[in-house]
């Protein structure tokens, strides 16, 4: 839906007739000290979610920020304050929670064990609320990728996703110019782990802040793209697929969405997903990160 972020979010949820109960955990994408450039979930979108679900359960806004080298905040609470989330705590009956503080539970994600936030695992109704942006490793960052914030932090200097890098450790250490096959295998492991994380957390609702998106070298060094939209779906996989389509990206070219479709977790063909707007009208061609462009060209060259 198109319009002002808070009001548009409320209207989108009203159209879905979304209902929740128990522990409702709202997981935005809070990553940096920046406003209005598509890096962080607009607090007005989250306010719309809080407003809609008032009285339906125990509301908590929760994030475990990753940060980047040179801009790692002291804690997620610092970013909550900077981005205006603390005002929601004062205005509504909602809690703020830093998932980086734990406790954590060890679970298997594809081929390795990782520790994941227990409050996120224990939520009765998890809502993933990312921004619409490209990503330098996974092509897009949406409802699925946003769940990485629920992982236990392991600070490691020199990596962009400094505190959560373990989930793509092999990819961080590979060089496509030296061994493209090894790089693609490592990327596949990472995206399979993301889908296993998605399955374990089982988000019940996806709301994508597409008011201002980000293209190019996102998630941190992207260029803002003004879209003026909010996407919402009770199937977060399909929500991501529509988001990818709006960015001019074929959802089937995003590996973790393709894996999700293979496991019957959601429809990713935009032609088969019911929407209340003409998607073609709002579709743009987002500039892809240079690493993804390189991989796409290398895959083409290898297959010829």
Protein backbone atom coordinates (compact mmCIF):
# COMPACT_ATOMS: atom_id res chain seq x y z
CA UNK A 1 0.00 0.00 0.00
CA UNK A 2 1.08 3.58 -0.69
CA UNK A 3 0.84 6.56 1.67
CA UNK A 4 2.17 7.76 5.01
CA UNK A 5 4.10 5.00 6.82
CA UNK A 6 2.12 4.64 10.06
CA UNK A 7 -1.34 5.02 8.54
CA UNK A 8 -0.47 2.85 5.55
CA UNK A 9 0.83 0.08 7.80
CA UNK A 10 -2.36 0.08 9.88
CA UNK A 11 -4.52 -0.06 6.73
CA UNK A 12 -2.45 -2.92 5.30
CA UNK A 13 -2.90 -4.97 8.47
CA UNK A 14 -6.60 -4.17 8.54
CA UNK A 15 -6.93 -5.56 5.02
CA UNK A 16 -5.17 -8.75 6.16
CA UNK A 17 -7.40 -9.00 9.25
CA UNK A 18 -4.29 -10.08 11.16
CA UNK A 19 -4.91 -11.44 14.65
CA UNK A 20 -2.37 -12.34 17.32
CA UNK A 21 -2.20 -13.39 20.96
CA UNK A 22 0.33 -14.15 23.66
CA UNK A 23 3.89 -12.93 23.23
CA UNK A 24 4.01 -10.73 20.13
CA UNK A 25 7.59 -9.98 19.09
CA UNK A 26 8.18 -7.26 16.48
CA UNK A 27 11.62 -7.61 14.86
CA UNK A 28 12.65 -4.49 12.88
CA UNK A 29 15.94 -4.01 11.03
CA UNK A 30 17.99 -1.63 13.19
CA UNK A 31 21.54 -1.42 11.88
CA UNK A 32 23.16 2.01 11.96
CA UNK A 33 23.12 5.67 12.98
CA UNK A 34 21.21 6.80 9.90
CA UNK A 35 17.70 8.06 9.23
CA UNK A 36 15.60 8.20 6.09
CA UNK A 37 18.03 6.44 3.76
CA UNK A 38 16.62 2.91 3.72
CA UNK A 39 19.16 1.38 6.11
CA UNK A 40 16.87 1.10 9.14
CA UNK A 41 13.20 0.23 9.52
CA UNK A 42 11.24 3.47 9.75
CA UNK A 43 9.93 3.82 13.31
CA UNK A 44 6.59 5.00 11.87
CA UNK A 45 6.05 1.60 10.22
CA UNK A 46 6.73 -0.13 13.53
CA UNK A 47 4.39 2.31 15.27
CA UNK A 48 1.64 1.30 12.85
CA UNK A 49 2.19 -2.35 13.78
CA UNK A 50 2.15 -1.53 17.51
CA UNK A 51 -1.01 0.53 17.09
CA UNK A 52 -2.79 -2.23 15.21
CA UNK A 53 -1.88 -5.02 17.65
CA UNK A 54 -2.61 -3.01 20.80
CA UNK A 55 -4.65 -5.14 23.18
CA UNK A 56 -4.04 -8.40 21.29
CA UNK A 57 -1.11 -9.58 23.40
CA UNK A 58 2.17 -8.67 25.10
CA UNK A 59 4.04 -6.43 22.64
CA UNK A 60 7.84 -6.38 22.45
CA UNK A 61 10.04 -4.63 19.89
CA UNK A 62 13.20 -6.71 19.72
CA UNK A 63 16.44 -6.48 17.75
CA UNK A 64 20.02 -7.64 18.05
CA UNK A 65 21.89 -5.11 15.94
CA UNK A 66 24.81 -6.25 13.81
CA UNK A 67 26.43 -2.93 12.97
CA UNK A 68 29.47 -2.51 10.75
CA UNK A 69 33.13 -1.89 11.37
CA UNK A 70 33.56 1.69 12.51
CA UNK A 71 29.87 2.15 13.36
CA UNK A 72 29.07 -0.55 15.92
CA UNK A 73 26.72 0.95 18.54
CA UNK A 74 27.28 0.40 22.24
CA UNK A 75 24.04 -1.59 22.29
CA UNK A 76 20.80 -2.00 20.41
CA UNK A 77 19.18 0.30 22.99
CA UNK A 78 21.39 3.13 21.77
CA UNK A 79 19.99 2.71 18.27
CA UNK A 80 16.45 2.39 19.62
CA UNK A 81 16.94 5.80 21.21
CA UNK A 82 18.55 7.35 18.13
CA UNK A 83 15.83 6.10 15.75
CA UNK A 84 12.88 7.07 17.95
CA UNK A 85 11.86 3.60 19.12
CA UNK A 86 12.19 4.62 22.77
CA UNK A 87 9.25 7.00 22.26
CA UNK A 88 7.05 4.04 21.37
CA UNK A 89 7.82 2.54 24.77
CA UNK A 90 6.61 5.76 26.38
CA UNK A 91 3.57 6.16 24.14
CA UNK A 92 2.30 2.57 24.00
CA UNK A 93 2.28 -0.48 26.23
CA UNK A 94 5.30 -1.98 24.51
CA UNK A 95 8.68 -3.27 25.69
CA UNK A 96 12.09 -2.84 24.04
CA UNK A 97 14.49 -5.80 24.04
CA UNK A 98 18.10 -6.22 22.91
CA UNK A 99 18.31 -9.78 21.59
CA UNK A 100 22.10 -9.63 21.84
CA UNK A 101 21.78 -9.88 25.62
CA UNK A 102 20.43 -13.44 25.45
CA UNK A 103 19.54 -15.95 26.68
CA UNK A 104 20.28 -18.21 23.70
CA UNK A 105 19.42 -21.74 22.65
CA UNK A 106 21.61 -23.91 20.43
CA UNK A 107 19.87 -25.19 17.32
CA UNK A 108 20.93 -26.87 14.10
CA UNK A 109 20.87 -24.70 10.99
CA UNK A 110 21.44 -26.83 7.91
CA UNK A 111 24.94 -28.18 8.60
CA UNK A 112 26.09 -26.45 11.81
CA UNK A 113 24.92 -25.56 15.29
CA UNK A 114 24.22 -21.91 16.09
CA UNK A 115 22.91 -20.15 19.17
CA UNK A 116 19.66 -18.25 18.64
CA UNK A 117 17.76 -15.83 20.86
CA UNK A 118 15.43 -17.74 23.14
CA UNK A 119 12.91 -14.86 23.40
CA UNK A 120 12.62 -14.95 19.60
CA UNK A 121 12.22 -18.74 19.59
CA UNK A 122 9.61 -18.54 22.36
CA UNK A 123 7.49 -15.82 20.76
CA UNK A 124 3.91 -16.80 20.01
CA UNK A 125 3.66 -14.37 17.10
CA UNK A 126 6.85 -13.14 15.45
CA UNK A 127 6.68 -10.24 12.99
CA UNK A 128 9.65 -9.59 10.71
CA UNK A 129 9.85 -5.93 9.71
CA UNK A 130 12.79 -5.26 7.37
CA UNK A 131 13.45 -2.47 4.92
CA UNK A 132 13.39 -2.96 1.16
CA UNK A 133 17.03 -3.16 0.11
CA UNK A 134 19.56 -5.05 -1.90
CA UNK A 135 22.24 -7.04 -0.10
CA UNK A 136 25.85 -7.63 -1.07
CA UNK A 137 25.71 -11.36 -0.22
CA UNK A 138 22.09 -12.49 -0.62
CA UNK A 139 20.92 -10.13 -3.42
CA UNK A 140 18.01 -8.89 -1.29
CA UNK A 141 17.54 -8.25 2.41
CA UNK A 142 13.96 -8.89 3.45
CA UNK A 143 11.87 -10.74 6.01
CA UNK A 144 14.12 -13.82 5.91
CA UNK A 145 17.48 -12.07 6.06
CA UNK A 146 16.19 -9.78 8.83
CA UNK A 147 16.04 -12.79 11.18
CA UNK A 148 19.83 -12.87 11.37
CA UNK A 149 19.49 -10.31 14.16
CA UNK A 150 18.22 -13.16 16.36
CA UNK A 151 21.61 -14.92 16.31
CA UNK A 152 24.06 -14.76 19.19
CA UNK A 153 26.65 -12.04 18.56
CA UNK A 154 30.31 -12.88 18.03
CA UNK A 155 32.22 -9.59 17.56
CA UNK A 156 34.88 -9.92 14.88
CA UNK A 157 36.66 -6.83 13.50
CA UNK A 158 37.02 -6.49 9.76
CA UNK A 159 33.64 -7.93 8.77
CA UNK A 160 30.70 -5.78 7.75
CA UNK A 161 28.13 -7.82 9.68
CA UNK A 162 30.60 -7.78 12.51
CA UNK A 163 28.65 -9.52 15.24
CA UNK A 164 26.69 -12.15 13.26
CA UNK A 165 29.24 -13.14 10.63
CA UNK A 166 29.58 -16.74 11.85
CA UNK A 167 26.53 -17.82 9.84
CA UNK A 168 28.42 -16.99 6.61
CA UNK A 169 31.95 -17.58 7.89
CA UNK A 170 32.97 -19.73 4.91
CA UNK A 171 31.69 -17.15 2.45
CA UNK A 172 33.56 -14.36 4.23
CA UNK A 173 36.78 -16.31 3.81
CA UNK A 174 36.29 -17.39 0.18
CA UNK A 175 37.47 -15.57 -2.95
CA UNK A 176 35.38 -16.01 -6.12
CA UNK A 177 38.30 -14.87 -8.26
CA UNK A 178 40.34 -17.80 -6.94
CA UNK A 179 37.66 -20.49 -6.67
CA UNK A 180 34.20 -19.54 -7.91
CA UNK A 181 32.80 -23.01 -7.23
CA UNK A 182 33.87 -22.88 -3.58
CA UNK A 183 32.41 -19.39 -3.23
CA UNK A 184 29.04 -20.48 -4.61
CA UNK A 185 29.00 -23.53 -2.32
CA UNK A 186 29.68 -21.27 0.66
CA UNK A 187 26.93 -18.87 -0.42
CA UNK A 188 24.53 -21.81 -0.77
CA UNK A 189 25.31 -22.97 2.78
CA UNK A 190 24.62 -19.48 4.09
CA UNK A 191 21.27 -19.21 2.35
CA UNK A 192 20.23 -22.72 3.41
CA UNK A 193 21.04 -21.73 7.01
CA UNK A 194 18.86 -18.63 6.63
CA UNK A 195 15.92 -20.78 5.58
CA UNK A 196 16.47 -23.17 8.49
CA UNK A 197 16.55 -20.15 10.81
CA UNK A 198 13.30 -18.98 9.23
CA UNK A 199 11.70 -22.38 9.82
CA UNK A 200 12.76 -22.49 13.46
CA UNK A 201 11.58 -18.96 14.22
CA UNK A 202 8.41 -19.32 12.12
CA UNK A 203 7.48 -15.64 11.65
CA UNK A 204 3.73 -15.25 11.31
CA UNK A 205 3.74 -11.90 9.56
CA UNK A 206 6.06 -9.99 7.24
CA UNK A 207 5.87 -6.19 6.93
CA UNK A 208 8.42 -4.60 4.61
CA UNK A 209 9.17 -0.91 5.00
CA UNK A 210 9.43 0.13 1.37
CA UNK A 211 8.82 3.78 2.09
CA UNK A 212 12.49 4.42 1.32
CA UNK A 213 14.45 1.48 -0.10
CA UNK A 214 18.17 1.10 -0.68
CA UNK A 215 20.03 -0.07 -3.77
CA UNK A 216 23.63 -0.77 -4.69
CA UNK A 217 26.12 -1.61 -1.95
CA UNK A 218 23.50 -2.24 0.69
CA UNK A 219 22.87 -2.99 3.50
CA UNK A 220 25.17 -0.27 4.84
CA UNK A 221 26.55 1.68 1.87
CA UNK A 222 23.50 1.74 -0.36
CA UNK A 223 21.79 4.58 -2.20
CA UNK A 224 18.27 5.60 -1.09
CA UNK A 225 15.35 4.89 -3.44
CA UNK A 226 12.04 6.53 -2.56
CA UNK A 227 9.15 4.10 -3.09
CA UNK A 228 6.47 5.30 -0.65
CA UNK A 229 5.17 1.77 -0.04
CA UNK A 230 4.51 -0.66 2.80
CA UNK A 231 4.22 -4.38 2.00
CA UNK A 232 2.48 -6.81 4.35
CA UNK A 233 1.73 -10.52 4.14
CA UNK A 234 0.99 -13.38 6.48
CA UNK A 235 3.47 -15.35 4.40
CA UNK A 236 6.84 -13.56 4.80
CA UNK A 237 8.39 -15.61 1.98
CA UNK A 238 5.81 -14.26 -0.48
CA UNK A 239 6.29 -10.80 1.00
CA UNK A 240 10.00 -11.03 0.15
CA UNK A 241 9.20 -12.29 -3.34
CA UNK A 242 6.99 -9.27 -4.03
CA UNK A 243 9.69 -7.02 -2.61
CA UNK A 244 12.28 -8.56 -4.92
CA UNK A 245 9.95 -8.11 -7.90
CA UNK A 246 9.42 -4.43 -7.05
CA UNK A 247 13.21 -4.02 -7.08
CA UNK A 248 13.33 -5.47 -10.60
CA UNK A 249 14.80 -8.74 -9.33
CA UNK A 250 13.47 -12.17 -10.31
CA UNK A 251 12.61 -13.88 -6.99
CA UNK A 252 13.73 -17.21 -8.48
CA UNK A 253 17.23 -15.72 -8.80
CA UNK A 254 17.39 -15.24 -5.01
CA UNK A 255 18.67 -18.55 -3.67
CA UNK A 256 17.06 -18.49 -0.24
CA UNK A 257 13.66 -17.72 -1.77
CA UNK A 258 14.17 -20.54 -4.25
CA UNK A 259 15.07 -22.91 -1.39
CA UNK A 260 11.98 -21.76 0.52
CA UNK A 261 9.77 -22.49 -2.48
CA UNK A 262 11.31 -25.97 -2.82
CA UNK A 263 10.35 -26.63 0.80
CA UNK A 264 6.78 -25.36 0.21
CA UNK A 265 7.23 -22.47 2.61
CA UNK A 266 5.62 -19.91 0.34
CA UNK A 267 4.83 -18.84 -3.21
CA UNK A 268 7.53 -16.75 -4.89
CA UNK A 269 5.99 -16.22 -8.33
CA UNK A 270 4.55 -12.67 -8.23
CA UNK A 271 1.98 -13.67 -10.84
CA UNK A 272 0.53 -16.18 -8.36
CA UNK A 273 0.55 -13.90 -5.31
CA UNK A 274 -2.64 -11.91 -4.71
CA UNK A 275 -1.97 -8.18 -4.22
CA UNK A 276 -4.18 -5.12 -3.94
CA UNK A 277 -2.04 -2.92 -6.21
CA UNK A 278 -0.67 -3.11 -9.73
CA UNK A 279 2.91 -4.22 -9.03
CA UNK A 280 4.11 -3.28 -12.51
CA UNK A 281 3.22 0.34 -11.82
CA UNK A 282 5.60 0.52 -8.85
CA UNK A 283 8.38 -1.71 -10.15
CA UNK A 284 11.87 -0.21 -10.36
CA UNK A 285 15.25 -1.59 -11.41
CA UNK A 286 17.40 -1.39 -8.30
CA UNK A 287 21.13 -1.32 -8.87
CA UNK A 288 22.66 -4.54 -7.54
CA UNK A 289 25.71 -4.76 -5.27
CA UNK A 290 28.98 -5.15 -7.18
CA UNK A 291 29.64 -8.60 -5.66
CA UNK A 292 26.27 -9.89 -6.85
CA UNK A 293 26.87 -8.40 -10.31
CA UNK A 294 30.25 -10.14 -10.38
CA UNK A 295 28.73 -13.48 -9.36
CA UNK A 296 25.98 -13.19 -11.96
CA UNK A 297 28.47 -12.44 -14.73
CA UNK A 298 30.79 -15.21 -13.56
CA UNK A 299 27.93 -17.73 -13.51
CA UNK A 300 26.96 -16.71 -17.05
CA UNK A 301 30.53 -16.98 -18.30
CA UNK A 302 30.94 -20.40 -16.69
CA UNK A 303 27.72 -21.77 -18.19
CA UNK A 304 28.51 -20.63 -21.74
